[in-house]
């Protein structure tokens, strides 16, 4: 998945936030009774922004601003995380 191909897509998260892990380091998201995922903070942050309204470009811009990094440095990692979330059925485009 390439940024230029998906930047205008509006990803929508699936599943629901359940809790944080015991140590508070990761986030638990449940898709169904038998599909529960543990997300790293950045993956959870991106998953949580997938509201069906924001475009991939909006998400990249927000991550860029929050991390004080240039857009060019965050767009590939953000797209990679979205790709993994899609493979896990936690996001649909």
C-alpha atoms as a PDB file:
ATOM      1  CA  UNK A   1       0.000   0.000   0.000  1.00  0.00           C
ATOM      2  CA  UNK A   2       1.464   3.353  -1.047  1.00  0.00           C
ATOM      3  CA  UNK A   3       0.636   6.736   0.454  1.00  0.00           C
ATOM      4  CA  UNK A   4      -0.209   8.337  -2.895  1.00  0.00           C
ATOM      5  CA  UNK A   5      -2.731   5.555  -3.601  1.00  0.00           C
ATOM      6  CA  UNK A   6      -4.563   5.838  -0.283  1.00  0.00           C
ATOM      7  CA  UNK A   7      -4.129   9.439   0.900  1.00  0.00           C
ATOM      8  CA  UNK A   8      -7.730  10.394   0.064  1.00  0.00           C
ATOM      9  CA  UNK A   9      -9.232   7.211   1.570  1.00  0.00           C
ATOM     10  CA  UNK A  10     -11.198   7.545   4.800  1.00  0.00           C
ATOM     11  CA  UNK A  11     -10.314   4.553   6.956  1.00  0.00           C
ATOM     12  CA  UNK A  12     -12.886   3.349   9.462  1.00  0.00           C
ATOM     13  CA  UNK A  13     -11.939   1.440  12.596  1.00  0.00           C
ATOM     14  CA  UNK A  14     -13.589  -1.857  13.463  1.00  0.00           C
ATOM     15  CA  UNK A  15     -13.746  -3.452  16.879  1.00  0.00           C
ATOM     16  CA  UNK A  16     -13.826  -1.758  20.241  1.00  0.00           C
ATOM     17  CA  UNK A  17     -11.315  -0.624  22.815  1.00  0.00           C
ATOM     18  CA  UNK A  18     -11.449  -2.940  25.834  1.00  0.00           C
ATOM     19  CA  UNK A  19      -8.621  -2.042  28.175  1.00  0.00           C
ATOM     20  CA  UNK A  20      -4.908  -1.458  28.484  1.00  0.00           C
ATOM     21  CA  UNK A  21      -2.506  -4.299  29.221  1.00  0.00           C
ATOM     22  CA  UNK A  22      -1.606  -4.986  32.855  1.00  0.00           C
ATOM     23  CA  UNK A  23       1.563  -2.917  32.578  1.00  0.00           C
ATOM     24  CA  UNK A  24      -0.352  -0.146  30.772  1.00  0.00           C
ATOM     25  CA  UNK A  25       2.066  -0.250  27.842  1.00  0.00           C
ATOM     26  CA  UNK A  26      -0.345  -1.469  25.147  1.00  0.00           C
ATOM     27  CA  UNK A  27      -4.029  -1.270  24.283  1.00  0.00           C
ATOM     28  CA  UNK A  28      -6.453  -4.166  23.918  1.00  0.00           C
ATOM     29  CA  UNK A  29      -8.951  -3.978  21.064  1.00  0.00           C
ATOM     30  CA  UNK A  30     -11.620  -6.632  20.563  1.00  0.00           C
ATOM     31  CA  UNK A  31     -13.011  -7.475  17.155  1.00  0.00           C
ATOM     32  CA  UNK A  32     -15.067 -10.458  18.320  1.00  0.00           C
ATOM     33  CA  UNK A  33     -15.066 -12.987  21.153  1.00  0.00           C
ATOM     34  CA  UNK A  34     -12.217 -14.930  19.564  1.00  0.00           C
ATOM     35  CA  UNK A  35     -10.329 -12.023  17.977  1.00  0.00           C
ATOM     36  CA  UNK A  36      -8.609  -9.766  20.476  1.00  0.00           C
ATOM     37  CA  UNK A  37      -5.560  -7.689  19.597  1.00  0.00           C
ATOM     38  CA  UNK A  38      -2.905  -5.920  21.609  1.00  0.00           C
ATOM     39  CA  UNK A  39      -1.875  -2.662  19.956  1.00  0.00           C
ATOM     40  CA  UNK A  40       1.215  -0.593  20.585  1.00  0.00           C
ATOM     41  CA  UNK A  41       0.433   3.023  21.548  1.00  0.00           C
ATOM     42  CA  UNK A  42       1.143   4.424  18.057  1.00  0.00           C
ATOM     43  CA  UNK A  43      -1.023   1.749  16.386  1.00  0.00           C
ATOM     44  CA  UNK A  44      -3.841   2.461  18.840  1.00  0.00           C
ATOM     45  CA  UNK A  45      -3.488   6.218  18.267  1.00  0.00           C
ATOM     46  CA  UNK A  46      -3.795   5.728  14.508  1.00  0.00           C
ATOM     47  CA  UNK A  47      -6.617   3.147  14.854  1.00  0.00           C
ATOM     48  CA  UNK A  48      -8.519   5.567  17.072  1.00  0.00           C
ATOM     49  CA  UNK A  49      -8.297   8.327  14.434  1.00  0.00           C
ATOM     50  CA  UNK A  50      -9.910   6.067  11.818  1.00  0.00           C
ATOM     51  CA  UNK A  51     -13.410   7.506  12.176  1.00  0.00           C
ATOM     52  CA  UNK A  52     -14.508   7.290   8.545  1.00  0.00           C
ATOM     53  CA  UNK A  53     -14.297  11.092   8.322  1.00  0.00           C
ATOM     54  CA  UNK A  54     -10.546  11.761   8.369  1.00  0.00           C
ATOM     55  CA  UNK A  55      -8.545  10.894   5.280  1.00  0.00           C
ATOM     56  CA  UNK A  56      -5.213   9.099   5.434  1.00  0.00           C
ATOM     57  CA  UNK A  57      -3.687  12.467   4.592  1.00  0.00           C
ATOM     58  CA  UNK A  58      -5.443  14.061   7.612  1.00  0.00           C
ATOM     59  CA  UNK A  59      -4.120  11.295   9.873  1.00  0.00           C
ATOM     60  CA  UNK A  60      -0.582  11.689   8.525  1.00  0.00           C
ATOM     61  CA  UNK A  61      -0.760  15.461   9.054  1.00  0.00           C
ATOM     62  CA  UNK A  62      -2.005  15.036  12.626  1.00  0.00           C
ATOM     63  CA  UNK A  63       0.709  12.494  13.487  1.00  0.00           C
ATOM     64  CA  UNK A  64       3.285  14.801  11.903  1.00  0.00           C
ATOM     65  CA  UNK A  65       2.094  17.722  14.012  1.00  0.00           C
ATOM     66  CA  UNK A  66       1.866  15.741  17.280  1.00  0.00           C
ATOM     67  CA  UNK A  67       5.306  14.164  16.786  1.00  0.00           C
ATOM     68  CA  UNK A  68       6.875  17.420  15.533  1.00  0.00           C
ATOM     69  CA  UNK A  69       8.208  15.545  12.509  1.00  0.00           C
ATOM     70  CA  UNK A  70       8.015  16.406   8.804  1.00  0.00           C
ATOM     71  CA  UNK A  71       5.150  14.778   6.891  1.00  0.00           C
ATOM     72  CA  UNK A  72       7.663  12.935   4.694  1.00  0.00           C
ATOM     73  CA  UNK A  73       9.046  11.158   7.757  1.00  0.00           C
ATOM     74  CA  UNK A  74       5.688   9.907   9.028  1.00  0.00           C
ATOM     75  CA  UNK A  75       3.656   9.049   5.936  1.00  0.00           C
ATOM     76  CA  UNK A  76       5.312   5.669   5.220  1.00  0.00           C
ATOM     77  CA  UNK A  77       5.170   4.472   8.865  1.00  0.00           C
ATOM     78  CA  UNK A  78       1.527   5.581   9.168  1.00  0.00           C
ATOM     79  CA  UNK A  79       0.583   3.774   5.941  1.00  0.00           C
ATOM     80  CA  UNK A  80       2.471   0.663   7.137  1.00  0.00           C
ATOM     81  CA  UNK A  81       0.517   0.686  10.411  1.00  0.00           C
ATOM     82  CA  UNK A  82      -2.774   1.163   8.553  1.00  0.00           C
ATOM     83  CA  UNK A  83      -1.823  -1.748   6.314  1.00  0.00           C
ATOM     84  CA  UNK A  84      -1.235  -3.989   9.348  1.00  0.00           C
ATOM     85  CA  UNK A  85      -4.505  -2.840  10.933  1.00  0.00           C
ATOM     86  CA  UNK A  86      -6.320  -3.704   7.685  1.00  0.00           C
ATOM     87  CA  UNK A  87      -4.712  -7.173   7.607  1.00  0.00           C
ATOM     88  CA  UNK A  88      -6.010  -7.736  11.151  1.00  0.00           C
ATOM     89  CA  UNK A  89      -9.501  -6.533  10.058  1.00  0.00           C
ATOM     90  CA  UNK A  90      -9.312  -3.658  12.551  1.00  0.00           C
ATOM     91  CA  UNK A  91      -9.605  -1.019   9.817  1.00  0.00           C
ATOM     92  CA  UNK A  92     -11.450  -0.936   6.512  1.00  0.00           C
ATOM     93  CA  UNK A  93     -10.814   1.611   3.774  1.00  0.00           C
END
